Amino acid sequence: MTRVEFYVLPDSEPAGRAKAACLLASKGWQHGMPVFIRCDDSQQCGQLDELLWSFRAERFIPHELHDDDPHAPVVIGTEQPPATAQGLLINLAPTLSPHTDRFSRVIEIVNQQPELLNLCRDNFRLYRQRGYEPKRVEL
């Protein structure tokens, strides 16, 4: 069954979520997992693409937008299904992915913005209702 975790950041800075997504994508890729970063919209996809280019000066994180190469080690997209099953989904969108079952692991990144906290609490309950056992991880 898919492992679901909510990584909770201590602050409310939106940029912190993007940086955490880059760090987690880098770790997933280094461990040989295909990574899919699910964004809310194409603007967020573009921002994350730019951030991944400059995230680690000493190490390039191989990534592509889904429309350019859905088989890249790290894929950035929105609602598209993953081209490779059993990878890591990093969900930055406010809703659950319709493709959750195609991943071995899902990470939701939460910060302290009140609106986002409420959405993530709802998502936590939805995962439970669907039979998953989500865990909370403090960062």
C-alpha atoms as a PDB file:
ATOM      1  CA  MET A   1       0.000   0.000   0.000  1.00  0.00           C
ATOM      2  CA  THR A   2       1.111   3.542  -0.687  1.00  0.00           C
ATOM      3  CA  ARG A   3       2.900   5.230   2.213  1.00  0.00           C
ATOM      4  CA  VAL A   4       1.535   8.738   2.872  1.00  0.00           C
ATOM      5  CA  GLU A   5       3.387  11.337   4.939  1.00  0.00           C
ATOM      6  CA  PHE A   6       2.694  14.959   5.763  1.00  0.00           C
ATOM      7  CA  TYR A   7       5.948  16.887   6.207  1.00  0.00           C
ATOM      8  CA  VAL A   8       5.188  19.881   8.422  1.00  0.00           C
ATOM      9  CA  LEU A   9       7.352  22.990   8.117  1.00  0.00           C
ATOM     10  CA  PRO A  10       7.651  25.328  11.137  1.00  0.00           C
ATOM     11  CA  ASP A  11       7.025  28.584   9.221  1.00  0.00           C
ATOM     12  CA  SER A  12       4.471  30.043   6.813  1.00  0.00           C
ATOM     13  CA  GLU A  13       6.817  31.014   3.966  1.00  0.00           C
ATOM     14  CA  PRO A  14       5.532  29.691   0.609  1.00  0.00           C
ATOM     15  CA  ALA A  15       9.118  29.466  -0.693  1.00  0.00           C
ATOM     16  CA  GLY A  16       9.871  26.951   2.061  1.00  0.00           C
ATOM     17  CA  ARG A  17       7.508  24.426   0.518  1.00  0.00           C
ATOM     18  CA  ALA A  18       9.219  24.704  -2.865  1.00  0.00           C
ATOM     19  CA  LYS A  19      12.670  24.324  -1.315  1.00  0.00           C
ATOM     20  CA  ALA A  20      11.515  21.307   0.680  1.00  0.00           C
ATOM     21  CA  ALA A  21      10.105  19.784  -2.521  1.00  0.00           C
ATOM     22  CA  CYS A  22      13.477  20.253  -4.243  1.00  0.00           C
ATOM     23  CA  LEU A  23      15.338  18.681  -1.327  1.00  0.00           C
ATOM     24  CA  LEU A  24      12.974  15.703  -1.199  1.00  0.00           C
ATOM     25  CA  ALA A  25      13.116  15.287  -4.989  1.00  0.00           C
ATOM     26  CA  SER A  26      16.908  15.252  -4.822  1.00  0.00           C
ATOM     27  CA  LYS A  27      16.884  12.609  -2.088  1.00  0.00           C
ATOM     28  CA  GLY A  28      14.341  10.464  -3.916  1.00  0.00           C
ATOM     29  CA  TRP A  29      16.318  10.631  -7.148  1.00  0.00           C
ATOM     30  CA  GLN A  30      19.593   9.817  -5.338  1.00  0.00           C
ATOM     31  CA  HIS A  31      17.902   6.706  -3.918  1.00  0.00           C
ATOM     32  CA  GLY A  32      16.866   5.603  -7.406  1.00  0.00           C
ATOM     33  CA  MET A  33      13.174   6.463  -7.157  1.00  0.00           C
ATOM     34  CA  PRO A  34      11.288   8.100 -10.006  1.00  0.00           C
ATOM     35  CA  VAL A  35       9.923  11.386  -8.646  1.00  0.00           C
ATOM     36  CA  PHE A  36       6.790  13.259  -9.692  1.00  0.00           C
ATOM     37  CA  ILE A  37       6.267  16.744  -8.247  1.00  0.00           C
ATOM     38  CA  ARG A  38       2.587  17.646  -8.557  1.00  0.00           C
ATOM     39  CA  CYS A  39       1.955  21.384  -8.742  1.00  0.00           C
ATOM     40  CA  ASP A  40      -1.251  23.359  -8.552  1.00  0.00           C
ATOM     41  CA  ASP A  41      -0.868  24.994 -11.980  1.00  0.00           C
ATOM     42  CA  SER A  42       1.539  25.668 -14.855  1.00  0.00           C
ATOM     43  CA  GLN A  43       2.885  28.813 -13.162  1.00  0.00           C
ATOM     44  CA  GLN A  44       3.968  26.821 -10.107  1.00  0.00           C
ATOM     45  CA  CYS A  45       5.465  24.176 -12.442  1.00  0.00           C
ATOM     46  CA  GLY A  46       7.582  26.868 -14.101  1.00  0.00           C
ATOM     47  CA  GLN A  47       8.727  28.274 -10.772  1.00  0.00           C
ATOM     48  CA  LEU A  48       9.730  24.842  -9.517  1.00  0.00           C
ATOM     49  CA  ASP A  49      11.528  24.090 -12.784  1.00  0.00           C
ATOM     50  CA  GLU A  50      13.597  27.267 -12.329  1.00  0.00           C
ATOM     51  CA  LEU A  51      14.315  26.494  -8.687  1.00  0.00           C
ATOM     52  CA  LEU A  52      15.516  22.969  -9.507  1.00  0.00           C
ATOM     53  CA  TRP A  53      18.039  24.394 -12.014  1.00  0.00           C
ATOM     54  CA  SER A  54      19.711  26.409  -9.260  1.00  0.00           C
ATOM     55  CA  PHE A  55      18.880  24.433  -6.122  1.00  0.00           C
ATOM     56  CA  ARG A  56      22.239  22.674  -5.690  1.00  0.00           C
ATOM     57  CA  ALA A  57      25.259  24.295  -7.318  1.00  0.00           C
ATOM     58  CA  GLU A  58      27.370  21.186  -6.712  1.00  0.00           C
ATOM     59  CA  ARG A  59      24.832  18.672  -8.070  1.00  0.00           C
ATOM     60  CA  PHE A  60      22.366  18.868 -10.942  1.00  0.00           C
ATOM     61  CA  ILE A  61      18.939  17.351 -10.312  1.00  0.00           C
ATOM     62  CA  PRO A  62      17.794  15.862 -13.653  1.00  0.00           C
ATOM     63  CA  HIS A  63      14.258  17.070 -14.197  1.00  0.00           C
ATOM     64  CA  GLU A  64      11.772  18.000 -16.898  1.00  0.00           C
ATOM     65  CA  LEU A  65       8.257  19.289 -17.184  1.00  0.00           C
ATOM     66  CA  HIS A  66       5.840  16.412 -17.853  1.00  0.00           C
ATOM     67  CA  ASP A  67       4.956  17.743 -21.311  1.00  0.00           C
ATOM     68  CA  ASP A  68       8.650  17.795 -22.304  1.00  0.00           C
ATOM     69  CA  ASP A  69       9.694  14.369 -20.952  1.00  0.00           C
ATOM     70  CA  PRO A  70       7.377  12.309 -18.726  1.00  0.00           C
ATOM     71  CA  HIS A  71      10.161   9.727 -18.246  1.00  0.00           C
ATOM     72  CA  ALA A  72      12.732  12.102 -16.684  1.00  0.00           C
ATOM     73  CA  PRO A  73      14.105  11.088 -13.261  1.00  0.00           C
ATOM     74  CA  VAL A  74      12.234  14.043 -11.706  1.00  0.00           C
ATOM     75  CA  VAL A  75       9.040  15.113 -13.454  1.00  0.00           C
ATOM     76  CA  ILE A  76       7.109  18.303 -12.734  1.00  0.00           C
ATOM     77  CA  GLY A  77       3.433  18.276 -13.638  1.00  0.00           C
ATOM     78  CA  THR A  78      -0.138  18.804 -12.515  1.00  0.00           C
ATOM     79  CA  GLU A  79      -2.867  16.207 -13.108  1.00  0.00           C
ATOM     80  CA  GLN A  80      -0.971  13.925 -15.481  1.00  0.00           C
ATOM     81  CA  PRO A  81      -0.523  10.263 -14.560  1.00  0.00           C
ATOM     82  CA  PRO A  82       3.051   9.226 -13.824  1.00  0.00           C
ATOM     83  CA  ALA A  83       4.878   7.540 -16.702  1.00  0.00           C
ATOM     84  CA  THR A  84       6.680   5.317 -14.197  1.00  0.00           C
ATOM     85  CA  ALA A  85       4.800   3.482 -11.448  1.00  0.00           C
ATOM     86  CA  GLN A  86       5.889   2.971  -7.837  1.00  0.00           C
ATOM     87  CA  GLY A  87       7.806   6.213  -7.471  1.00  0.00           C
ATOM     88  CA  LEU A  88       7.600   9.165  -5.119  1.00  0.00           C
ATOM     89  CA  LEU A  89       4.850  11.760  -5.436  1.00  0.00           C
ATOM     90  CA  ILE A  90       5.570  15.139  -3.855  1.00  0.00           C
ATOM     91  CA  ASN A  91       2.195  16.862  -3.774  1.00  0.00           C
ATOM     92  CA  LEU A  92       2.192  20.670  -3.702  1.00  0.00           C
ATOM     93  CA  ALA A  93      -1.362  20.906  -5.041  1.00  0.00           C
ATOM     94  CA  PRO A  94      -4.184  21.553  -2.560  1.00  0.00           C
ATOM     95  CA  THR A  95      -6.055  18.364  -3.492  1.00  0.00           C
ATOM     96  CA  LEU A  96      -5.265  14.661  -3.530  1.00  0.00           C
ATOM     97  CA  SER A  97      -3.811  13.252  -6.719  1.00  0.00           C
ATOM     98  CA  PRO A  98      -6.179  11.051  -8.717  1.00  0.00           C
ATOM     99  CA  HIS A  99      -3.155   8.769  -9.246  1.00  0.00           C
ATOM    100  CA  THR A 100      -2.152   8.151  -5.608  1.00  0.00           C
ATOM    101  CA  ASP A 101      -2.272   4.362  -6.008  1.00  0.00           C
ATOM    102  CA  ARG A 102       0.350   4.480  -8.763  1.00  0.00           C
ATOM    103  CA  PHE A 103       3.012   5.677  -6.284  1.00  0.00           C
ATOM    104  CA  SER A 104       4.753   3.749  -3.531  1.00  0.00           C
ATOM    105  CA  ARG A 105       5.141   6.925  -1.468  1.00  0.00           C
ATOM    106  CA  VAL A 106       3.319  10.260  -1.264  1.00  0.00           C
ATOM    107  CA  ILE A 107       4.622  13.317   0.562  1.00  0.00           C
ATOM    108  CA  GLU A 108       2.413  16.310   1.254  1.00  0.00           C
ATOM    109  CA  ILE A 109       4.359  19.424   2.300  1.00  0.00           C
ATOM    110  CA  VAL A 110       2.550  21.584   4.835  1.00  0.00           C
ATOM    111  CA  ASN A 111       3.521  24.965   6.236  1.00  0.00           C
ATOM    112  CA  GLN A 112       1.828  27.149   8.828  1.00  0.00           C
ATOM    113  CA  GLN A 113      -0.355  29.218   6.473  1.00  0.00           C
ATOM    114  CA  PRO A 114      -3.861  28.909   7.984  1.00  0.00           C
ATOM    115  CA  GLU A 115      -5.602  28.216   4.665  1.00  0.00           C
ATOM    116  CA  LEU A 116      -3.073  25.557   3.691  1.00  0.00           C
ATOM    117  CA  LEU A 117      -3.257  23.965   7.148  1.00  0.00           C
ATOM    118  CA  ASN A 118      -7.019  23.593   6.780  1.00  0.00           C
ATOM    119  CA  LEU A 119      -6.710  22.088   3.291  1.00  0.00           C
ATOM    120  CA  CYS A 120      -4.065  19.641   4.491  1.00  0.00           C
ATOM    121  CA  ARG A 121      -6.173  18.603   7.478  1.00  0.00           C
ATOM    122  CA  ASP A 122      -8.993  17.839   5.053  1.00  0.00           C
ATOM    123  CA  ASN A 123      -6.582  15.854   2.864  1.00  0.00           C
ATOM    124  CA  PHE A 124      -5.329  13.937   5.914  1.00  0.00           C
ATOM    125  CA  ARG A 125      -8.926  12.886   6.662  1.00  0.00           C
ATOM    126  CA  LEU A 126      -9.551  11.984   3.005  1.00  0.00           C
ATOM    127  CA  TYR A 127      -6.501   9.726   2.941  1.00  0.00           C
ATOM    128  CA  ARG A 128      -7.795   7.951   6.062  1.00  0.00           C
ATOM    129  CA  GLN A 129     -11.261   7.573   4.540  1.00  0.00           C
ATOM    130  CA  ARG A 130      -9.633   5.943   1.504  1.00  0.00           C
ATOM    131  CA  GLY A 131      -7.824   3.399   3.662  1.00  0.00           C
ATOM    132  CA  TYR A 132      -4.355   4.955   3.880  1.00  0.00           C
ATOM    133  CA  GLU A 133      -2.545   5.519   7.171  1.00  0.00           C
ATOM    134  CA  PRO A 134      -1.031   8.996   6.802  1.00  0.00           C
ATOM    135  CA  LYS A 135       1.801   9.959   9.143  1.00  0.00           C
ATOM    136  CA  ARG A 136       2.892  13.390  10.328  1.00  0.00           C
ATOM    137  CA  VAL A 137       6.599  14.297  10.144  1.00  0.00           C
ATOM    138  CA  GLU A 138       7.855  17.496  11.806  1.00  0.00           C
ATOM    139  CA  LEU A 139      10.689  19.253   9.992  1.00  0.00           C
END
